[in-house]
C-alpha atoms as a PDB file:
ATOM      1  CA  MET A   1     -23.830 -24.492   0.558  1.00  0.00           C
ATOM      2  CA  ALA A   2     -24.581 -25.621  -2.972  1.00  0.00           C
ATOM      3  CA  GLU A   3     -27.738 -24.348  -4.633  1.00  0.00           C
ATOM      4  CA  ASP A   4     -30.743 -26.646  -4.433  1.00  0.00           C
ATOM      5  CA  PRO A   5     -31.273 -27.919  -7.994  1.00  0.00           C
ATOM      6  CA  THR A   6     -35.039 -27.962  -7.485  1.00  0.00           C
ATOM      7  CA  THR A   7     -35.037 -24.159  -7.380  1.00  0.00           C
ATOM      8  CA  SER A   8     -32.595 -23.398 -10.178  1.00  0.00           C
ATOM      9  CA  GLY A   9     -34.351 -21.302 -12.811  1.00  0.00           C
ATOM     10  CA  THR A  10     -37.604 -21.125 -10.851  1.00  0.00           C
ATOM     11  CA  SER A  11     -39.333 -17.817 -11.569  1.00  0.00           C
ATOM     12  CA  ALA A  12     -41.169 -15.696  -9.025  1.00  0.00           C
ATOM     13  CA  GLY A  13     -44.375 -16.418 -10.935  1.00  0.00           C
ATOM     14  CA  GLU A  14     -43.871 -20.152 -10.590  1.00  0.00           C
ATOM     15  CA  GLN A  15     -43.257 -19.757  -6.867  1.00  0.00           C
ATOM     16  CA  GLU A  16     -46.355 -17.568  -6.485  1.00  0.00           C
ATOM     17  CA  SER A  17     -48.373 -20.418  -7.972  1.00  0.00           C
ATOM     18  CA  LEU A  18     -47.681 -22.277  -4.722  1.00  0.00           C
ATOM     19  CA  LEU A  19     -49.774 -19.705  -2.812  1.00  0.00           C
ATOM     20  CA  PRO A  20     -51.744 -20.186  -0.705  1.00  0.00           C
ATOM     21  CA  ALA A  21     -49.354 -22.775   0.700  1.00  0.00           C
ATOM     22  CA  HIS A  22     -50.148 -25.342   3.381  1.00  0.00           C
ATOM     23  CA  PHE A  23     -47.657 -26.188   6.132  1.00  0.00           C
ATOM     24  CA  ARG A  24     -47.794 -28.778   8.922  1.00  0.00           C
ATOM     25  CA  GLY A  25     -45.383 -29.336  11.778  1.00  0.00           C
ATOM     26  CA  ARG A  26     -44.698 -28.389  15.377  1.00  0.00           C
ATOM     27  CA  VAL A  27     -43.540 -25.207  17.040  1.00  0.00           C
ATOM     28  CA  ALA A  28     -41.923 -24.046  20.262  1.00  0.00           C
ATOM     29  CA  ALA A  29     -41.404 -20.333  20.876  1.00  0.00           C
ATOM     30  CA  ALA A  30     -40.083 -18.035  23.583  1.00  0.00           C
ATOM     31  CA  VAL A  31     -41.291 -14.494  24.274  1.00  0.00           C
ATOM     32  CA  PHE A  32     -38.623 -12.140  25.663  1.00  0.00           C
ATOM     33  CA  ASN A  33     -38.747  -8.797  27.416  1.00  0.00           C
ATOM     34  CA  ILE A  34     -36.499  -6.221  25.656  1.00  0.00           C
ATOM     35  CA  PRO A  35     -35.854  -2.460  25.949  1.00  0.00           C
ATOM     36  CA  LEU A  36     -38.311  -0.418  23.891  1.00  0.00           C
ATOM     37  CA  GLU A  37     -35.528   1.636  22.308  1.00  0.00           C
ATOM     38  CA  ASN A  38     -33.775  -1.522  21.091  1.00  0.00           C
ATOM     39  CA  ALA A  39     -37.022  -2.647  19.482  1.00  0.00           C
ATOM     40  CA  ARG A  40     -37.454   0.704  17.740  1.00  0.00           C
ATOM     41  CA  GLN A  41     -33.923   0.643  16.369  1.00  0.00           C
ATOM     42  CA  SER A  42     -34.465  -2.878  14.971  1.00  0.00           C
ATOM     43  CA  ILE A  43     -37.549  -1.963  12.929  1.00  0.00           C
ATOM     44  CA  GLY A  44     -37.073  -0.610   9.426  1.00  0.00           C
ATOM     45  CA  GLY A  45     -38.838   2.599   8.385  1.00  0.00           C
ATOM     46  CA  ASP A  46     -41.667   4.366  10.196  1.00  0.00           C
ATOM     47  CA  THR A  47     -44.599   2.199   9.079  1.00  0.00           C
ATOM     48  CA  LEU A  48     -44.535  -0.026  12.172  1.00  0.00           C
ATOM     49  CA  ARG A  49     -44.320   0.573  15.890  1.00  0.00           C
ATOM     50  CA  PRO A  50     -43.206  -1.915  18.555  1.00  0.00           C
ATOM     51  CA  VAL A  51     -45.682  -2.773  21.266  1.00  0.00           C
ATOM     52  CA  GLN A  52     -44.973  -0.762  24.404  1.00  0.00           C
ATOM     53  CA  LEU A  53     -45.121  -2.291  27.875  1.00  0.00           C
ATOM     54  CA  PRO A  54     -44.761  -0.526  31.239  1.00  0.00           C
ATOM     55  CA  GLY A  55     -41.229   0.600  32.032  1.00  0.00           C
ATOM     56  CA  ARG A  56     -40.431   1.343  28.375  1.00  0.00           C
ATOM     57  CA  ARG A  57     -40.177  -2.324  27.506  1.00  0.00           C
ATOM     58  CA  SER A  58     -41.230  -4.284  24.440  1.00  0.00           C
ATOM     59  CA  LEU A  59     -41.337  -7.901  23.240  1.00  0.00           C
ATOM     60  CA  ALA A  60     -39.288 -10.151  20.980  1.00  0.00           C
ATOM     61  CA  VAL A  61     -40.142 -13.712  19.909  1.00  0.00           C
ATOM     62  CA  LEU A  62     -37.740 -16.541  19.091  1.00  0.00           C
ATOM     63  CA  SER A  63     -39.506 -19.460  17.400  1.00  0.00           C
ATOM     64  CA  ILE A  64     -38.397 -22.971  16.459  1.00  0.00           C
ATOM     65  CA  PHE A  65     -40.351 -24.529  13.585  1.00  0.00           C
ATOM     66  CA  GLU A  66     -40.175 -28.115  12.352  1.00  0.00           C
ATOM     67  CA  TYR A  67     -42.101 -28.351   9.102  1.00  0.00           C
ATOM     68  CA  PHE A  68     -42.928 -31.973   8.347  1.00  0.00           C
ATOM     69  CA  GLU A  69     -45.090 -31.160   5.323  1.00  0.00           C
ATOM     70  CA  SER A  70     -44.914 -28.170   2.977  1.00  0.00           C
ATOM     71  CA  PRO A  71     -44.832 -27.456  -0.784  1.00  0.00           C
ATOM     72  CA  LEU A  72     -41.084 -26.958  -0.270  1.00  0.00           C
ATOM     73  CA  GLY A  73     -40.546 -30.315   1.405  1.00  0.00           C
ATOM     74  CA  PRO A  74     -39.684 -30.814   5.089  1.00  0.00           C
ATOM     75  CA  TYR A  75     -37.326 -28.309   6.698  1.00  0.00           C
ATOM     76  CA  ASN A  76     -36.489 -26.587   9.989  1.00  0.00           C
ATOM     77  CA  GLU A  77     -36.516 -22.878  10.777  1.00  0.00           C
ATOM     78  CA  VAL A  78     -35.565 -20.557  13.618  1.00  0.00           C
ATOM     79  CA  SER A  79     -37.111 -17.107  13.460  1.00  0.00           C
ATOM     80  CA  VAL A  80     -36.512 -13.952  15.479  1.00  0.00           C
ATOM     81  CA  GLY A  81     -38.971 -11.062  15.410  1.00  0.00           C
ATOM     82  CA  ILE A  82     -40.125  -7.925  17.221  1.00  0.00           C
ATOM     83  CA  VAL A  83     -43.801  -7.741  18.218  1.00  0.00           C
ATOM     84  CA  VAL A  84     -45.295  -4.771  16.343  1.00  0.00           C
ATOM     85  CA  GLN A  85     -48.448  -3.120  15.062  1.00  0.00           C
ATOM     86  CA  SER A  86     -48.840  -1.036  11.934  1.00  0.00           C
ATOM     87  CA  LYS A  87     -49.353   2.675  12.569  1.00  0.00           C
ATOM     88  CA  VAL A  88     -52.532   2.556  10.537  1.00  0.00           C
ATOM     89  CA  GLY A  89     -54.017   0.066  12.977  1.00  0.00           C
ATOM     90  CA  PHE A  90     -56.277   0.992  15.857  1.00  0.00           C
ATOM     91  CA  GLY A  91     -56.348   0.091  19.513  1.00  0.00           C
ATOM     92  CA  PRO A  92     -53.669  -0.903  22.037  1.00  0.00           C
ATOM     93  CA  PHE A  93     -51.640  -4.084  21.837  1.00  0.00           C
ATOM     94  CA  SER A  94     -53.773  -7.010  22.959  1.00  0.00           C
ATOM     95  CA  ALA A  95     -53.714 -10.757  22.444  1.00  0.00           C
ATOM     96  CA  LEU A  96     -57.394 -10.384  21.574  1.00  0.00           C
ATOM     97  CA  ASP A  97     -56.325  -8.757  18.301  1.00  0.00           C
ATOM     98  CA  LEU A  98     -55.183 -12.169  17.050  1.00  0.00           C
ATOM     99  CA  LEU A  99     -58.724 -13.458  17.585  1.00  0.00           C
ATOM    100  CA  SER A 100     -60.210 -10.911  15.185  1.00  0.00           C
ATOM    101  CA  SER A 101     -60.837 -11.647  11.516  1.00  0.00           C
ATOM    102  CA  ARG A 102     -58.137  -9.194  10.365  1.00  0.00           C
ATOM    103  CA  PRO A 103     -55.454  -9.035  13.067  1.00  0.00           C
ATOM    104  CA  ASP A 104     -52.781  -6.345  12.994  1.00  0.00           C
ATOM    105  CA  THR A 105     -50.441  -7.368  15.810  1.00  0.00           C
ATOM    106  CA  GLY A 106     -47.564  -9.426  14.468  1.00  0.00           C
ATOM    107  CA  ALA A 107     -43.798  -9.842  14.222  1.00  0.00           C
ATOM    108  CA  TRP A 108     -41.334  -7.727  12.262  1.00  0.00           C
ATOM    109  CA  MET A 109     -38.981 -10.438  11.053  1.00  0.00           C
ATOM    110  CA  LEU A 110     -35.288  -9.896  11.810  1.00  0.00           C
ATOM    111  CA  GLU A 111     -33.622 -13.258  11.165  1.00  0.00           C
ATOM    112  CA  MET A 112     -34.987 -16.514   9.727  1.00  0.00           C
ATOM    113  CA  PRO A 113     -32.356 -19.213   9.149  1.00  0.00           C
ATOM    114  CA  VAL A 114     -33.767 -22.307   7.413  1.00  0.00           C
ATOM    115  CA  THR A 115     -32.326 -25.679   6.436  1.00  0.00           C
ATOM    116  CA  SER A 116     -33.404 -25.564   2.788  1.00  0.00           C
ATOM    117  CA  GLU A 117     -32.223 -23.382  -0.090  1.00  0.00           C
ATOM    118  CA  LYS A 118     -35.634 -23.857  -1.646  1.00  0.00           C
ATOM    119  CA  ALA A 119     -37.307 -22.457   1.496  1.00  0.00           C
ATOM    120  CA  ARG A 120     -34.829 -19.563   1.577  1.00  0.00           C
ATOM    121  CA  ARG A 121     -35.543 -18.504  -2.002  1.00  0.00           C
ATOM    122  CA  TYR A 122     -39.277 -18.899  -1.558  1.00  0.00           C
ATOM    123  CA  GLY A 123     -39.290 -16.641   1.530  1.00  0.00           C
ATOM    124  CA  VAL A 124     -36.921 -14.027   0.131  1.00  0.00           C
ATOM    125  CA  GLU A 125     -38.421 -13.715  -3.346  1.00  0.00           C
ATOM    126  CA  LEU A 126     -42.109 -13.745  -2.393  1.00  0.00           C
ATOM    127  CA  PHE A 127     -42.098 -12.003   0.987  1.00  0.00           C
ATOM    128  CA  GLY A 128     -38.715 -10.346   1.474  1.00  0.00           C
ATOM    129  CA  TYR A 129     -38.188 -12.508   4.548  1.00  0.00           C
ATOM    130  CA  PRO A 130     -34.609 -12.302   5.894  1.00  0.00           C
ATOM    131  CA  LYS A 131     -33.942 -15.986   5.326  1.00  0.00           C
ATOM    132  CA  THR A 132     -30.515 -17.602   5.194  1.00  0.00           C
ATOM    133  CA  VAL A 133     -29.443 -21.231   4.949  1.00  0.00           C
ATOM    134  CA  ALA A 134     -28.006 -22.956   8.010  1.00  0.00           C
ATOM    135  CA  SER A 135     -28.031 -26.339   9.702  1.00  0.00           C
ATOM    136  CA  ILE A 136     -30.649 -26.499  12.464  1.00  0.00           C
ATOM    137  CA  ASP A 137     -30.831 -29.500  14.769  1.00  0.00           C
ATOM    138  CA  VAL A 138     -34.066 -29.813  16.764  1.00  0.00           C
ATOM    139  CA  GLN A 139     -34.613 -32.441  19.443  1.00  0.00           C
ATOM    140  CA  TYR A 140     -37.448 -33.026  21.894  1.00  0.00           C
ATOM    141  CA  SER A 141     -36.726 -34.965  25.060  1.00  0.00           C
ATOM    142  CA  SER A 142     -39.396 -35.261  27.728  1.00  0.00           C
ATOM    143  CA  ASN A 143     -40.549 -31.652  28.211  1.00  0.00           C
ATOM    144  CA  ILE A 144     -37.447 -30.022  26.690  1.00  0.00           C
ATOM    145  CA  CYS A 145     -36.984 -28.606  23.182  1.00  0.00           C
ATOM    146  CA  LEU A 146     -33.328 -28.234  22.179  1.00  0.00           C
ATOM    147  CA  ALA A 147     -32.318 -26.385  19.022  1.00  0.00           C
ATOM    148  CA  THR A 148     -28.842 -25.636  17.702  1.00  0.00           C
ATOM    149  CA  VAL A 149     -28.106 -23.432  14.697  1.00  0.00           C
ATOM    150  CA  HIS A 150     -24.876 -24.173  12.787  1.00  0.00           C
ATOM    151  CA  GLU A 151     -23.256 -22.564   9.771  1.00  0.00           C
ATOM    152  CA  ASP A 152     -20.391 -24.404   8.072  1.00  0.00           C
ATOM    153  CA  HIS A 153     -20.214 -26.729  11.109  1.00  0.00           C
ATOM    154  CA  ARG A 154     -19.771 -23.708  13.382  1.00  0.00           C
ATOM    155  CA  PRO A 155     -22.361 -23.451  16.206  1.00  0.00           C
ATOM    156  CA  LEU A 156     -24.050 -20.035  16.254  1.00  0.00           C
ATOM    157  CA  LEU A 157     -26.916 -20.393  18.704  1.00  0.00           C
ATOM    158  CA  ARG A 158     -28.249 -22.915  21.197  1.00  0.00           C
ATOM    159  CA  VAL A 159     -31.781 -22.708  22.583  1.00  0.00           C
ATOM    160  CA  ARG A 160     -33.246 -24.792  25.394  1.00  0.00           C
ATOM    161  CA  LEU A 161     -36.972 -24.371  26.033  1.00  0.00           C
ATOM    162  CA  ARG A 162     -38.895 -26.075  28.823  1.00  0.00           C
ATOM    163  CA  CYS A 163     -42.242 -27.117  27.363  1.00  0.00           C
ATOM    164  CA  ARG A 164     -44.156 -27.530  30.591  1.00  0.00           C
ATOM    165  CA  ARG A 165     -47.846 -27.715  31.311  1.00  0.00           C
ATOM    166  CA  GLY A 166     -49.846 -24.525  31.243  1.00  0.00           C
ATOM    167  CA  LEU A 167     -52.886 -22.751  29.916  1.00  0.00           C
ATOM    168  CA  LYS A 168     -54.030 -24.057  26.519  1.00  0.00           C
ATOM    169  CA  LEU A 169     -55.372 -21.584  23.972  1.00  0.00           C
ATOM    170  CA  PRO A 170     -56.211 -21.742  20.249  1.00  0.00           C
ATOM    171  CA  VAL A 171     -54.115 -19.465  18.044  1.00  0.00           C
ATOM    172  CA  PRO A 172     -56.108 -18.776  14.848  1.00  0.00           C
ATOM    173  CA  TRP A 173     -53.622 -16.345  13.254  1.00  0.00           C
ATOM    174  CA  LEU A 174     -49.943 -15.541  12.977  1.00  0.00           C
ATOM    175  CA  VAL A 175     -49.029 -12.206  11.397  1.00  0.00           C
ATOM    176  CA  THR A 176     -45.640 -11.333   9.938  1.00  0.00           C
ATOM    177  CA  TYR A 177     -44.222  -8.045   8.670  1.00  0.00           C
ATOM    178  CA  SER A 178     -41.340  -7.938   6.219  1.00  0.00           C
ATOM    179  CA  GLN A 179     -39.793  -5.643   3.644  1.00  0.00           C
ATOM    180  CA  LYS A 180     -39.747  -6.608  -0.009  1.00  0.00           C
ATOM    181  CA  SER A 181     -37.823  -4.055  -2.078  1.00  0.00           C
ATOM    182  CA  ALA A 182     -39.014  -0.723  -0.619  1.00  0.00           C
ATOM    183  CA  GLU A 183     -42.446  -1.963   0.470  1.00  0.00           C
ATOM    184  CA  VAL A 184     -43.582  -3.309   3.831  1.00  0.00           C
ATOM    185  CA  LEU A 185     -45.697  -6.462   3.555  1.00  0.00           C
ATOM    186  CA  ARG A 186     -48.157  -7.745   6.121  1.00  0.00           C
ATOM    187  CA  THR A 187     -48.940 -11.459   5.834  1.00  0.00           C
ATOM    188  CA  ARG A 188     -51.880 -12.835   7.790  1.00  0.00           C
ATOM    189  CA  ILE A 189     -51.331 -16.578   8.178  1.00  0.00           C
ATOM    190  CA  LYS A 190     -54.366 -18.666   9.100  1.00  0.00           C
ATOM    191  CA  THR A 191     -53.405 -21.348  11.607  1.00  0.00           C
ATOM    192  CA  GLU A 192     -54.750 -24.304  13.483  1.00  0.00           C
ATOM    193  CA  TRP A 193     -52.600 -24.431  16.577  1.00  0.00           C
ATOM    194  CA  LYS A 194     -53.570 -25.250  20.144  1.00  0.00           C
ATOM    195  CA  VAL A 195     -50.757 -23.650  22.073  1.00  0.00           C
ATOM    196  CA  THR A 196     -49.705 -24.248  25.662  1.00  0.00           C
ATOM    197  CA  LEU A 197     -48.498 -21.147  27.516  1.00  0.00           C
ATOM    198  CA  ALA A 198     -45.847 -22.202  30.012  1.00  0.00           C
ATOM    199  CA  PRO A 199     -43.618 -20.208  32.393  1.00  0.00           C
ATOM    200  CA  GLY A 200     -40.309 -19.150  30.878  1.00  0.00           C
ATOM    201  CA  ALA A 201     -38.235 -19.922  33.990  1.00  0.00           C
ATOM    202  CA  GLY A 202     -35.607 -22.570  33.289  1.00  0.00           C
ATOM    203  CA  SER A 203     -35.502 -21.879  29.548  1.00  0.00           C
ATOM    204  CA  GLN A 204     -32.393 -20.266  28.126  1.00  0.00           C
ATOM    205  CA  PHE A 205     -30.382 -19.474  25.026  1.00  0.00           C
ATOM    206  CA  GLU A 206     -26.640 -19.275  24.357  1.00  0.00           C
ATOM    207  CA  ILE A 207     -24.950 -17.225  21.634  1.00  0.00           C
ATOM    208  CA  THR A 208     -21.779 -19.073  20.634  1.00  0.00           C
ATOM    209  CA  ALA A 209     -20.436 -16.978  17.716  1.00  0.00           C
ATOM    210  CA  LEU A 210     -20.385 -13.329  18.730  1.00  0.00           C
ATOM    211  CA  ASP A 211     -19.189 -12.038  15.344  1.00  0.00           C
ATOM    212  CA  HIS A 212     -21.966 -13.575  13.237  1.00  0.00           C
ATOM    213  CA  PRO A 213     -24.836 -11.360  11.928  1.00  0.00           C
ATOM    214  CA  LEU A 214     -27.442 -13.557  13.661  1.00  0.00           C
ATOM    215  CA  SER A 215     -25.591 -13.163  16.948  1.00  0.00           C
ATOM    216  CA  GLN A 216     -25.219  -9.427  16.441  1.00  0.00           C
ATOM    217  CA  LYS A 217     -28.986  -9.044  15.910  1.00  0.00           C
ATOM    218  CA  LEU A 218     -29.756 -10.998  19.080  1.00  0.00           C
ATOM    219  CA  LEU A 219     -27.204  -9.088  21.132  1.00  0.00           C
ATOM    220  CA  GLY A 220     -28.585  -5.789  19.831  1.00  0.00           C
ATOM    221  CA  LEU A 221     -32.048  -6.677  21.103  1.00  0.00           C
ATOM    222  CA  GLY A 222     -30.902  -6.995  24.705  1.00  0.00           C
ATOM    223  CA  LEU A 223     -32.928 -10.129  25.368  1.00  0.00           C
ATOM    224  CA  SER A 224     -33.687 -10.954  28.978  1.00  0.00           C
ATOM    225  CA  LYS A 225     -31.760 -13.961  30.327  1.00  0.00           C
ATOM    226  CA  SER A 226     -34.889 -16.092  30.456  1.00  0.00           C
ATOM    227  CA  PRO A 227     -38.075 -15.678  28.430  1.00  0.00           C
ATOM    228  CA  LEU A 228     -41.269 -14.405  29.978  1.00  0.00           C
ATOM    229  CA  ILE A 229     -43.251 -17.329  28.586  1.00  0.00           C
ATOM    230  CA  VAL A 230     -42.788 -20.365  26.368  1.00  0.00           C
ATOM    231  CA  LEU A 231     -45.425 -21.346  23.807  1.00  0.00           C
ATOM    232  CA  HIS A 232     -45.473 -24.861  22.420  1.00  0.00           C
ATOM    233  CA  GLY A 233     -47.727 -27.191  20.480  1.00  0.00           C
ATOM    234  CA  ASP A 234     -47.103 -30.465  18.653  1.00  0.00           C
ATOM    235  CA  ARG A 235     -49.807 -30.023  16.031  1.00  0.00           C
ATOM    236  CA  PHE A 236     -49.354 -26.893  13.981  1.00  0.00           C
ATOM    237  CA  SER A 237     -50.883 -26.224  10.578  1.00  0.00           C
ATOM    238  CA  ALA A 238     -50.872 -22.988   8.607  1.00  0.00           C
ATOM    239  CA  ILE A 239     -52.096 -21.566   5.315  1.00  0.00           C
ATOM    240  CA  LEU A 240     -49.628 -19.020   3.933  1.00  0.00           C
ATOM    241  CA  PRO A 241     -51.229 -16.466   1.567  1.00  0.00           C
ATOM    242  CA  ALA A 242     -49.603 -13.689  -0.423  1.00  0.00           C
ATOM    243  CA  GLY A 243     -48.533 -10.671   1.618  1.00  0.00           C
ATOM    244  CA  GLU A 244     -50.355  -7.345   1.362  1.00  0.00           C
ATOM    245  CA  ARG A 245     -48.669  -3.953   0.986  1.00  0.00           C
ATOM    246  CA  ILE A 246     -49.262  -1.462   3.776  1.00  0.00           C
END
């Protein structure tokens, strides 16, 4: 894909001037049960530890973002991450951590295809996010979210999430972990998002290009056939600050 001319020659300093950055859109996400050992092998370094569930299991999250407004323009994103905590944090994994003023529980980002070269450069250069450029089609029909990731007109991944009724909860924070150069960054993203937690039954994903790096990462995680839960919300807003070294 040709380079986006709006980013040619843009320095890291000029991109940092966009922080904190405001984003608005909608999100649907699926939380999967995975083997703990697979989670450990997918995390770089020894700074982070995957959350541990009974039976030596852990969690992975696949999220579908449609950004309608951002300093980078509108774009779509699919992200895959492992749920982790930093080893300098305290206390067991708990959703209550995300309600605190300085949450630690977050996602170690593995893959983040986006539909904009400008968004790719912004994520890579400022945060070390593993962003690549791909075509991502997102459609909502009734209570279904359908997303397909393509690269050079080749389908890589199809995701079908059932966005059913469920418990509604506010999500005040999203936390990401990434590696920029040799340093691990934690980014605490302030959000306004009323999320619906729905059963994962009936939702599914299909890997259609087994030799692609995105497919290899997903296969290496050993995702369960269906997610444990689906999270969705039409009104999502976030303030993205600079990451902090840990």
